[in-house]
Amino acid sequence: MKILVSNDDGYLATGINTLAAALAEIAEVVVVAPDRNHSGASNSLTLHSPLRIRKIRENFFCVNGTPSDSVHLALSGYLDFEPDIVVSGINHGANLGDDVIYSGTVAAAMEGRFLGFPAIALS
C-alpha cells in the first residue's frame, strides 16, 4: 500500500511525524506538507507566487504553500508516486462541527479526493 501524508500544522509538527512513522510500519509513505503552520487555511491555494517543494529527507518534502497546494503538487506529477490513499493529520486540535469548513487538515484530504484518490483527515 502507498500512502501520501499531509497536514496543515507544517512538516515539523509532532502529529504528522508520529502519523508518518506509524504508517511506515505497514505501507510505503511519502510526506508532503506545508513548510509552516497553515491552520485555518481551508481550501486556499497559492496563486500569485511560485510554489517550491523542498526535500527534507527520503520521502519527506515541504512546500512553501498551503495544505491544498502540498497535496496538489504531490499528486500532479511532481513526485513519481501514486498513492492508494491520502491521509491528512494528525491535527493539533479538534475539527468539530463548523470547524471543518476552515480546517486545512480537512482541506488537504478534500484536495486528494478532488483529484480522484480516497482520503481521510485525522484530528
N, C-alpha and C. Protein backbone atom coordinates (compact mmCIF):
# COMPACT_ATOMS: atom_id res chain seq x y z
N MET A 1 0.84 -1.18 0.00
CA MET A 1 0.00 0.00 0.00
C MET A 1 0.88 1.25 0.00
N LYS A 2 0.44 2.28 -0.72
CA LYS A 2 1.16 3.56 -0.78
C LYS A 2 0.27 4.65 -0.19
N ILE A 3 0.85 5.45 0.70
CA ILE A 3 0.09 6.49 1.40
C ILE A 3 0.79 7.83 1.27
N LEU A 4 0.04 8.85 0.84
CA LEU A 4 0.51 10.22 0.88
C LEU A 4 0.00 10.84 2.17
N VAL A 5 0.91 11.42 2.95
CA VAL A 5 0.56 12.06 4.22
C VAL A 5 0.81 13.55 4.10
N SER A 6 -0.15 14.34 4.57
CA SER A 6 -0.01 15.79 4.61
C SER A 6 -0.69 16.31 5.87
N ASN A 7 -0.68 17.63 6.06
CA ASN A 7 -1.34 18.23 7.22
C ASN A 7 -1.48 19.73 7.00
N ASP A 8 -1.91 20.44 8.04
CA ASP A 8 -1.94 21.91 7.98
C ASP A 8 -1.05 22.54 9.04
N ASP A 9 -0.50 21.74 9.93
CA ASP A 9 0.34 22.25 11.02
C ASP A 9 1.80 22.40 10.62
N GLY A 10 2.17 21.93 9.44
CA GLY A 10 3.53 22.03 8.96
C GLY A 10 4.32 20.74 9.16
N TYR A 11 5.37 20.62 8.38
CA TYR A 11 6.14 19.36 8.36
C TYR A 11 6.87 19.07 9.66
N LEU A 12 7.08 20.07 10.51
CA LEU A 12 7.77 19.85 11.78
C LEU A 12 6.83 19.44 12.91
N ALA A 13 5.54 19.45 12.67
CA ALA A 13 4.55 19.15 13.72
C ALA A 13 4.68 17.71 14.21
N THR A 14 4.46 17.54 15.49
CA THR A 14 4.52 16.22 16.10
C THR A 14 3.52 15.27 15.46
N GLY A 15 2.31 15.75 15.19
CA GLY A 15 1.26 14.88 14.66
C GLY A 15 1.60 14.22 13.35
N ILE A 16 2.13 14.97 12.40
CA ILE A 16 2.44 14.39 11.09
C ILE A 16 3.63 13.44 11.18
N ASN A 17 4.59 13.76 12.01
CA ASN A 17 5.75 12.88 12.16
C ASN A 17 5.37 11.58 12.85
N THR A 18 4.51 11.65 13.86
CA THR A 18 4.02 10.45 14.54
C THR A 18 3.20 9.60 13.58
N LEU A 19 2.31 10.24 12.84
CA LEU A 19 1.46 9.53 11.88
C LEU A 19 2.30 8.86 10.80
N ALA A 20 3.23 9.58 10.22
CA ALA A 20 4.07 9.02 9.16
C ALA A 20 4.88 7.83 9.65
N ALA A 21 5.42 7.93 10.85
CA ALA A 21 6.21 6.82 11.41
C ALA A 21 5.34 5.59 11.63
N ALA A 22 4.14 5.78 12.15
CA ALA A 22 3.24 4.64 12.39
C ALA A 22 2.81 4.00 11.08
N LEU A 23 2.45 4.82 10.09
CA LEU A 23 2.01 4.27 8.81
C LEU A 23 3.14 3.60 8.05
N ALA A 24 4.37 4.06 8.25
CA ALA A 24 5.53 3.48 7.56
C ALA A 24 5.77 2.03 7.98
N GLU A 25 5.19 1.62 9.10
CA GLU A 25 5.32 0.23 9.53
C GLU A 25 4.45 -0.71 8.71
N ILE A 26 3.45 -0.15 8.01
CA ILE A 26 2.53 -1.01 7.25
C ILE A 26 2.44 -0.65 5.77
N ALA A 27 3.10 0.45 5.37
CA ALA A 27 2.94 0.91 3.99
C ALA A 27 4.13 1.75 3.56
N GLU A 28 4.20 2.00 2.26
CA GLU A 28 5.17 2.96 1.73
C GLU A 28 4.56 4.35 1.90
N VAL A 29 5.27 5.24 2.58
CA VAL A 29 4.73 6.55 2.93
C VAL A 29 5.58 7.65 2.32
N VAL A 30 4.90 8.64 1.74
CA VAL A 30 5.54 9.87 1.29
C VAL A 30 4.82 11.02 1.99
N VAL A 31 5.59 11.91 2.60
CA VAL A 31 5.04 13.08 3.28
C VAL A 31 5.30 14.31 2.42
N VAL A 32 4.25 15.08 2.17
CA VAL A 32 4.36 16.39 1.52
C VAL A 32 3.46 17.33 2.30
N ALA A 33 4.07 18.28 3.00
CA ALA A 33 3.32 19.15 3.91
C ALA A 33 3.82 20.58 3.81
N PRO A 34 3.03 21.53 4.29
CA PRO A 34 3.47 22.93 4.29
C PRO A 34 4.75 23.13 5.09
N ASP A 35 5.50 24.16 4.72
CA ASP A 35 6.76 24.45 5.43
C ASP A 35 6.53 25.17 6.76
N ARG A 36 5.28 25.57 7.02
CA ARG A 36 4.95 26.21 8.30
C ARG A 36 3.47 25.97 8.59
N ASN A 37 3.03 26.39 9.74
CA ASN A 37 1.65 26.19 10.16
C ASN A 37 0.68 26.98 9.27
N HIS A 38 -0.32 26.26 8.76
CA HIS A 38 -1.38 26.88 7.97
C HIS A 38 -2.75 26.50 8.53
N SER A 39 -2.85 26.40 9.85
CA SER A 39 -4.13 26.08 10.46
C SER A 39 -5.17 27.12 10.05
N GLY A 40 -6.35 26.65 9.74
CA GLY A 40 -7.44 27.54 9.33
C GLY A 40 -7.35 28.02 7.90
N ALA A 41 -6.49 27.41 7.10
CA ALA A 41 -6.30 27.85 5.71
C ALA A 41 -7.43 27.40 4.80
N SER A 42 -8.24 26.48 5.25
CA SER A 42 -9.32 25.93 4.45
C SER A 42 -8.75 25.42 3.12
N ASN A 43 -9.47 25.60 2.02
CA ASN A 43 -9.02 25.11 0.72
C ASN A 43 -8.25 26.16 -0.07
N SER A 44 -7.63 27.11 0.61
CA SER A 44 -6.94 28.18 -0.10
C SER A 44 -5.78 27.64 -0.93
N LEU A 45 -5.52 28.33 -2.02
CA LEU A 45 -4.42 27.99 -2.93
C LEU A 45 -3.49 29.18 -3.05
N THR A 46 -2.24 28.92 -3.38
CA THR A 46 -1.27 29.97 -3.65
C THR A 46 -1.35 30.29 -5.13
N LEU A 47 -1.76 31.51 -5.45
CA LEU A 47 -1.99 31.87 -6.85
C LEU A 47 -1.02 32.92 -7.39
N HIS A 48 -0.41 33.73 -6.53
CA HIS A 48 0.36 34.88 -7.01
C HIS A 48 1.84 34.83 -6.68
N SER A 49 2.33 33.66 -6.34
CA SER A 49 3.76 33.49 -6.12
C SER A 49 4.13 32.05 -6.45
N PRO A 50 5.39 31.82 -6.82
CA PRO A 50 5.80 30.47 -7.21
C PRO A 50 5.81 29.52 -6.01
N LEU A 51 5.38 28.30 -6.27
CA LEU A 51 5.45 27.26 -5.24
C LEU A 51 6.76 26.51 -5.39
N ARG A 52 7.33 26.19 -4.26
CA ARG A 52 8.58 25.43 -4.26
C ARG A 52 8.44 24.25 -3.31
N ILE A 53 8.95 23.13 -3.75
CA ILE A 53 8.95 21.94 -2.92
C ILE A 53 10.40 21.63 -2.57
N ARG A 54 10.62 21.29 -1.31
CA ARG A 54 11.98 21.05 -0.83
C ARG A 54 12.04 19.67 -0.17
N LYS A 55 13.04 18.90 -0.57
CA LYS A 55 13.24 17.58 0.03
C LYS A 55 13.93 17.75 1.38
N ILE A 56 13.30 17.22 2.42
CA ILE A 56 13.87 17.26 3.77
C ILE A 56 14.72 16.02 4.01
N ARG A 57 14.19 14.89 3.62
CA ARG A 57 14.89 13.60 3.68
C ARG A 57 14.16 12.65 2.73
N GLU A 58 14.56 11.43 2.67
CA GLU A 58 13.94 10.46 1.77
C GLU A 58 12.43 10.39 2.01
N ASN A 59 11.65 10.59 0.97
CA ASN A 59 10.19 10.51 1.01
C ASN A 59 9.53 11.53 1.94
N PHE A 60 10.19 12.66 2.18
CA PHE A 60 9.68 13.67 3.10
C PHE A 60 9.98 15.05 2.53
N PHE A 61 8.92 15.80 2.19
CA PHE A 61 9.06 17.07 1.49
C PHE A 61 8.23 18.15 2.17
N CYS A 62 8.67 19.40 2.01
CA CYS A 62 7.84 20.53 2.45
C CYS A 62 7.62 21.48 1.28
N VAL A 63 6.52 22.22 1.35
CA VAL A 63 6.09 23.13 0.29
C VAL A 63 5.87 24.51 0.90
N ASN A 64 6.26 25.55 0.18
CA ASN A 64 6.04 26.92 0.67
C ASN A 64 4.63 27.39 0.32
N GLY A 65 3.66 26.57 0.61
CA GLY A 65 2.27 26.89 0.30
C GLY A 65 1.32 26.27 1.31
N THR A 66 0.07 26.20 0.93
CA THR A 66 -0.99 25.74 1.81
C THR A 66 -1.09 24.21 1.82
N PRO A 67 -1.92 23.66 2.71
CA PRO A 67 -2.14 22.21 2.68
C PRO A 67 -2.66 21.72 1.32
N SER A 68 -3.60 22.46 0.73
CA SER A 68 -4.12 22.07 -0.59
C SER A 68 -3.03 22.12 -1.65
N ASP A 69 -2.17 23.15 -1.59
CA ASP A 69 -1.03 23.23 -2.52
C ASP A 69 -0.15 22.00 -2.38
N SER A 70 0.12 21.60 -1.15
CA SER A 70 1.02 20.48 -0.89
C SER A 70 0.50 19.20 -1.52
N VAL A 71 -0.77 18.92 -1.29
CA VAL A 71 -1.36 17.71 -1.85
C VAL A 71 -1.45 17.80 -3.38
N HIS A 72 -1.83 18.96 -3.88
CA HIS A 72 -1.94 19.13 -5.33
C HIS A 72 -0.59 18.90 -6.02
N LEU A 73 0.48 19.49 -5.47
CA LEU A 73 1.81 19.28 -6.05
C LEU A 73 2.20 17.81 -6.01
N ALA A 74 1.95 17.17 -4.89
CA ALA A 74 2.33 15.76 -4.74
C ALA A 74 1.60 14.87 -5.74
N LEU A 75 0.35 15.20 -6.04
CA LEU A 75 -0.46 14.32 -6.88
C LEU A 75 -0.52 14.74 -8.35
N SER A 76 0.11 15.85 -8.69
CA SER A 76 0.01 16.32 -10.08
C SER A 76 1.27 16.03 -10.89
N GLY A 77 2.06 15.08 -10.43
CA GLY A 77 3.17 14.62 -11.24
C GLY A 77 4.55 15.06 -10.80
N TYR A 78 4.64 15.93 -9.80
CA TYR A 78 5.97 16.35 -9.34
C TYR A 78 6.75 15.16 -8.80
N LEU A 79 6.08 14.33 -8.03
CA LEU A 79 6.71 13.14 -7.47
C LEU A 79 6.30 11.93 -8.30
N ASP A 80 7.19 10.98 -8.41
CA ASP A 80 6.88 9.72 -9.08
C ASP A 80 6.26 8.78 -8.05
N PHE A 81 5.04 9.11 -7.62
CA PHE A 81 4.40 8.38 -6.54
C PHE A 81 2.89 8.53 -6.69
N GLU A 82 2.19 7.43 -6.82
CA GLU A 82 0.73 7.47 -6.89
C GLU A 82 0.18 6.69 -5.70
N PRO A 83 -0.38 7.39 -4.73
CA PRO A 83 -0.82 6.71 -3.51
C PRO A 83 -2.14 5.96 -3.69
N ASP A 84 -2.36 5.03 -2.79
CA ASP A 84 -3.65 4.36 -2.71
C ASP A 84 -4.64 5.19 -1.89
N ILE A 85 -4.10 6.05 -1.03
CA ILE A 85 -4.93 6.89 -0.17
C ILE A 85 -4.13 8.12 0.27
N VAL A 86 -4.84 9.21 0.52
CA VAL A 86 -4.26 10.42 1.09
C VAL A 86 -4.73 10.50 2.54
N VAL A 87 -3.79 10.66 3.46
CA VAL A 87 -4.12 10.79 4.88
C VAL A 87 -3.60 12.13 5.36
N SER A 88 -4.47 12.94 5.94
CA SER A 88 -4.09 14.26 6.43
C SER A 88 -4.21 14.30 7.95
N GLY A 89 -3.15 14.78 8.60
CA GLY A 89 -3.17 14.87 10.07
C GLY A 89 -1.84 14.47 10.64
N ILE A 90 -1.78 14.14 11.83
CA ILE A 90 -2.80 14.25 12.87
C ILE A 90 -2.84 15.72 13.29
N ASN A 91 -4.02 16.32 13.21
CA ASN A 91 -4.16 17.74 13.50
C ASN A 91 -3.95 18.03 14.98
N HIS A 92 -3.29 19.14 15.26
CA HIS A 92 -3.14 19.62 16.64
C HIS A 92 -4.39 20.42 16.97
N GLY A 93 -5.35 19.77 17.59
CA GLY A 93 -6.63 20.41 17.91
C GLY A 93 -7.76 19.70 17.22
N ALA A 94 -8.96 20.00 17.68
CA ALA A 94 -10.15 19.33 17.17
C ALA A 94 -10.68 20.03 15.92
N ASN A 95 -11.29 19.26 15.06
CA ASN A 95 -12.04 19.79 13.92
C ASN A 95 -13.47 19.28 14.09
N LEU A 96 -14.27 20.07 14.78
CA LEU A 96 -15.63 19.66 15.12
C LEU A 96 -16.65 20.60 14.51
N GLY A 97 -17.76 20.05 14.07
CA GLY A 97 -18.86 20.87 13.56
C GLY A 97 -18.43 21.80 12.45
N ASP A 98 -18.75 23.08 12.61
CA ASP A 98 -18.43 24.08 11.59
C ASP A 98 -16.93 24.27 11.38
N ASP A 99 -16.10 23.82 12.33
CA ASP A 99 -14.65 23.97 12.20
C ASP A 99 -14.13 23.33 10.92
N VAL A 100 -14.79 22.28 10.45
CA VAL A 100 -14.27 21.58 9.27
C VAL A 100 -14.28 22.47 8.03
N ILE A 101 -15.12 23.49 8.01
CA ILE A 101 -15.17 24.41 6.87
C ILE A 101 -13.84 25.15 6.73
N TYR A 102 -13.20 25.44 7.85
CA TYR A 102 -11.97 26.24 7.86
C TYR A 102 -10.70 25.41 7.98
N SER A 103 -10.84 24.13 8.19
CA SER A 103 -9.71 23.26 8.50
C SER A 103 -8.81 23.00 7.30
N GLY A 104 -7.54 23.34 7.44
CA GLY A 104 -6.56 22.97 6.43
C GLY A 104 -6.31 21.47 6.40
N THR A 105 -6.47 20.82 7.55
CA THR A 105 -6.32 19.36 7.62
C THR A 105 -7.38 18.69 6.75
N VAL A 106 -8.62 19.10 6.93
CA VAL A 106 -9.70 18.55 6.12
C VAL A 106 -9.52 18.93 4.65
N ALA A 107 -9.07 20.16 4.40
CA ALA A 107 -8.86 20.62 3.02
C ALA A 107 -7.82 19.78 2.29
N ALA A 108 -6.76 19.38 2.98
CA ALA A 108 -5.73 18.54 2.34
C ALA A 108 -6.34 17.21 1.89
N ALA A 109 -7.17 16.62 2.74
CA ALA A 109 -7.84 15.38 2.37
C ALA A 109 -8.83 15.62 1.22
N MET A 110 -9.55 16.74 1.28
CA MET A 110 -10.51 17.06 0.22
C MET A 110 -9.81 17.27 -1.12
N GLU A 111 -8.63 17.87 -1.11
CA GLU A 111 -7.87 18.05 -2.35
C GLU A 111 -7.50 16.70 -2.96
N GLY A 112 -7.07 15.77 -2.11
CA GLY A 112 -6.78 14.43 -2.59
C GLY A 112 -8.01 13.78 -3.20
N ARG A 113 -9.15 13.92 -2.54
CA ARG A 113 -10.40 13.34 -3.04
C ARG A 113 -10.81 14.01 -4.36
N PHE A 114 -10.67 15.32 -4.42
CA PHE A 114 -10.98 16.07 -5.64
C PHE A 114 -10.16 15.56 -6.83
N LEU A 115 -8.92 15.15 -6.55
CA LEU A 115 -8.03 14.65 -7.60
C LEU A 115 -8.21 13.15 -7.85
N GLY A 116 -9.19 12.54 -7.20
CA GLY A 116 -9.55 11.16 -7.51
C GLY A 116 -9.00 10.09 -6.59
N PHE A 117 -8.49 10.47 -5.43
CA PHE A 117 -7.91 9.50 -4.51
C PHE A 117 -8.77 9.38 -3.25
N PRO A 118 -8.89 8.18 -2.69
CA PRO A 118 -9.54 8.07 -1.39
C PRO A 118 -8.75 8.90 -0.38
N ALA A 119 -9.44 9.48 0.59
CA ALA A 119 -8.75 10.37 1.53
C ALA A 119 -9.46 10.40 2.87
N ILE A 120 -8.67 10.69 3.91
CA ILE A 120 -9.21 10.82 5.26
C ILE A 120 -8.41 11.87 6.01
N ALA A 121 -9.09 12.61 6.88
CA ALA A 121 -8.43 13.60 7.74
C ALA A 121 -8.56 13.14 9.18
N LEU A 122 -7.47 13.30 9.95
CA LEU A 122 -7.43 12.86 11.34
C LEU A 122 -7.13 14.03 12.26
N SER A 123 -7.94 14.18 13.31
CA SER A 123 -7.71 15.23 14.30
C SER A 123 -7.64 14.61 15.69
